[in-house]
């Protein structure tokens, strides 16, 4: 529980200093294509479990490697992805470094957030087994 509170405080303490893209997404971690696919698959699977496979999200992005991978993975797994459609819930992401070997990935769909910490151990990407959820 203490670690969750520490993570929350770290995330909240840095909110004012981040440079988001024009759509509200943020990434200060350089991810490889393989790492992007692993993280996007994890996000897609969690959205399917919590919102259902027939979910449609409004996802505007800067077309970075991670954003493109996430969009393609969501579509490939049956989640509808549209742009500039206010009818559907907005999806935003944050990929934020915690230290040289760990980062946290947070996804927001409307007022619901979910996060997972990822670690690079001997150049292998490993997710922590727990995930935090807020709102909704």
Protein backbone atom coordinates (compact mmCIF):
# COMPACT_ATOMS: atom_id res chain seq x y z
CA UNK A 1 0.00 0.00 0.00
CA UNK A 2 2.87 2.36 0.79
CA UNK A 3 4.36 1.79 -2.65
CA UNK A 4 1.07 2.64 -4.33
CA UNK A 5 0.84 5.88 -2.37
CA UNK A 6 4.45 6.70 -3.22
CA UNK A 7 3.79 6.15 -6.92
CA UNK A 8 0.65 8.28 -6.76
CA UNK A 9 2.55 11.09 -5.05
CA UNK A 10 5.34 10.91 -7.62
CA UNK A 11 2.87 11.08 -10.48
CA UNK A 12 0.88 13.92 -8.94
CA UNK A 13 3.94 15.94 -7.93
CA UNK A 14 5.18 16.08 -11.50
CA UNK A 15 1.92 17.02 -13.19
CA UNK A 16 2.71 20.71 -13.57
CA UNK A 17 6.09 20.22 -15.25
CA UNK A 18 5.19 17.86 -18.07
CA UNK A 19 5.07 18.75 -21.73
CA UNK A 20 2.07 17.00 -23.21
CA UNK A 21 1.48 16.67 -26.94
CA UNK A 22 -1.35 18.75 -28.36
CA UNK A 23 -3.78 15.88 -27.67
CA UNK A 24 -2.94 15.45 -23.99
CA UNK A 25 -0.59 12.44 -24.24
CA UNK A 26 2.87 12.33 -22.68
CA UNK A 27 5.94 10.13 -23.16
CA UNK A 28 9.44 10.78 -21.83
CA UNK A 29 10.69 7.20 -22.27
CA UNK A 30 12.33 5.91 -25.44
CA UNK A 31 10.65 2.61 -26.27
CA UNK A 32 11.68 0.11 -28.90
CA UNK A 33 9.11 -1.30 -31.31
CA UNK A 34 9.06 -4.58 -29.37
CA UNK A 35 8.58 -2.80 -26.03
CA UNK A 36 5.80 -0.67 -27.53
CA UNK A 37 4.02 -3.81 -28.75
CA UNK A 38 4.23 -5.49 -25.33
CA UNK A 39 2.87 -2.45 -23.52
CA UNK A 40 0.15 -1.84 -26.11
CA UNK A 41 -0.95 -5.49 -25.90
CA UNK A 42 -1.16 -5.20 -22.11
CA UNK A 43 -3.27 -2.03 -22.36
CA UNK A 44 -5.54 -3.56 -25.00
CA UNK A 45 -6.08 -6.70 -22.94
CA UNK A 46 -6.95 -4.69 -19.85
CA UNK A 47 -9.42 -2.51 -21.77
CA UNK A 48 -11.09 -5.65 -23.15
CA UNK A 49 -11.38 -7.12 -19.64
CA UNK A 50 -12.75 -3.98 -18.03
CA UNK A 51 -14.80 -2.34 -20.78
CA UNK A 52 -15.57 -5.20 -23.16
CA UNK A 53 -14.28 -6.10 -26.58
CA UNK A 54 -16.81 -3.91 -28.39
CA UNK A 55 -15.50 -0.71 -26.85
CA UNK A 56 -14.89 2.29 -29.08
CA UNK A 57 -12.51 5.04 -27.94
CA UNK A 58 -11.65 8.46 -29.28
CA UNK A 59 -7.83 8.42 -29.52
CA UNK A 60 -6.01 11.41 -30.96
CA UNK A 61 -2.23 11.20 -30.98
CA UNK A 62 0.94 12.67 -32.40
CA UNK A 63 1.62 9.52 -34.48
CA UNK A 64 4.70 8.61 -32.44
CA UNK A 65 5.88 5.00 -32.50
CA UNK A 66 4.11 4.17 -29.25
CA UNK A 67 0.88 5.98 -30.18
CA UNK A 68 0.72 4.28 -33.58
CA UNK A 69 1.47 0.88 -32.04
CA UNK A 70 -1.22 1.38 -29.39
CA UNK A 71 -3.82 2.44 -31.95
CA UNK A 72 -3.03 -0.50 -34.25
CA UNK A 73 -3.03 -2.99 -31.36
CA UNK A 74 -6.38 -1.77 -30.07
CA UNK A 75 -7.89 -2.14 -33.55
CA UNK A 76 -6.32 -5.56 -34.10
CA UNK A 77 -7.87 -6.74 -30.81
CA UNK A 78 -11.35 -5.56 -31.76
CA UNK A 79 -11.46 -2.23 -29.95
CA UNK A 80 -12.75 0.56 -32.14
CA UNK A 81 -10.49 3.60 -32.48
CA UNK A 82 -11.77 6.85 -33.88
CA UNK A 83 -10.49 10.42 -33.91
CA UNK A 84 -12.26 13.65 -33.04
CA UNK A 85 -15.54 11.90 -32.27
CA UNK A 86 -16.93 13.41 -29.08
CA UNK A 87 -19.52 10.63 -28.86
CA UNK A 88 -16.95 8.11 -27.59
CA UNK A 89 -14.79 8.25 -24.45
CA UNK A 90 -11.40 9.91 -24.88
CA UNK A 91 -8.28 7.81 -24.39
CA UNK A 92 -5.01 9.44 -23.28
CA UNK A 93 -1.74 7.89 -22.18
CA UNK A 94 1.32 8.82 -20.13
CA UNK A 95 4.62 6.96 -20.26
CA UNK A 96 6.76 8.45 -17.53
CA UNK A 97 10.23 7.50 -16.30
CA UNK A 98 10.55 6.76 -12.59
CA UNK A 99 14.30 6.08 -12.78
CA UNK A 100 16.82 4.72 -15.29
CA UNK A 101 15.26 1.23 -15.29
CA UNK A 102 11.59 1.75 -14.42
CA UNK A 103 8.69 3.68 -15.86
CA UNK A 104 4.98 3.89 -15.28
CA UNK A 105 2.35 3.69 -18.02
CA UNK A 106 -0.98 5.33 -17.23
CA UNK A 107 -4.01 5.23 -19.49
CA UNK A 108 -7.01 7.47 -18.98
CA UNK A 109 -10.40 6.75 -20.51
CA UNK A 110 -12.68 9.61 -19.54
CA UNK A 111 -12.46 9.77 -15.73
CA UNK A 112 -10.99 6.31 -15.22
CA UNK A 113 -7.21 5.79 -14.93
CA UNK A 114 -5.20 2.61 -14.77
CA UNK A 115 -1.44 2.31 -14.35
CA UNK A 116 1.26 -0.31 -14.38
CA UNK A 117 4.95 -0.04 -13.62
CA UNK A 118 7.38 -1.63 -16.08
CA UNK A 119 11.03 -2.46 -15.42
CA UNK A 120 13.95 -3.16 -17.69
CA UNK A 121 15.87 -6.04 -16.11
CA UNK A 122 18.91 -7.12 -18.13
CA UNK A 123 17.33 -5.45 -21.19
CA UNK A 124 14.12 -7.48 -20.76
CA UNK A 125 10.86 -5.58 -20.27
CA UNK A 126 8.99 -6.89 -17.22
CA UNK A 127 5.65 -5.57 -15.89
CA UNK A 128 5.04 -5.47 -12.16
CA UNK A 129 2.26 -7.94 -11.35
CA UNK A 130 -0.06 -5.31 -9.88
CA UNK A 131 -2.02 -2.56 -11.59
CA UNK A 132 -3.64 0.47 -10.00
CA UNK A 133 -7.06 1.80 -10.97
CA UNK A 134 -8.71 5.11 -10.12
CA UNK A 135 -12.09 6.58 -10.91
CA UNK A 136 -14.87 5.18 -12.98
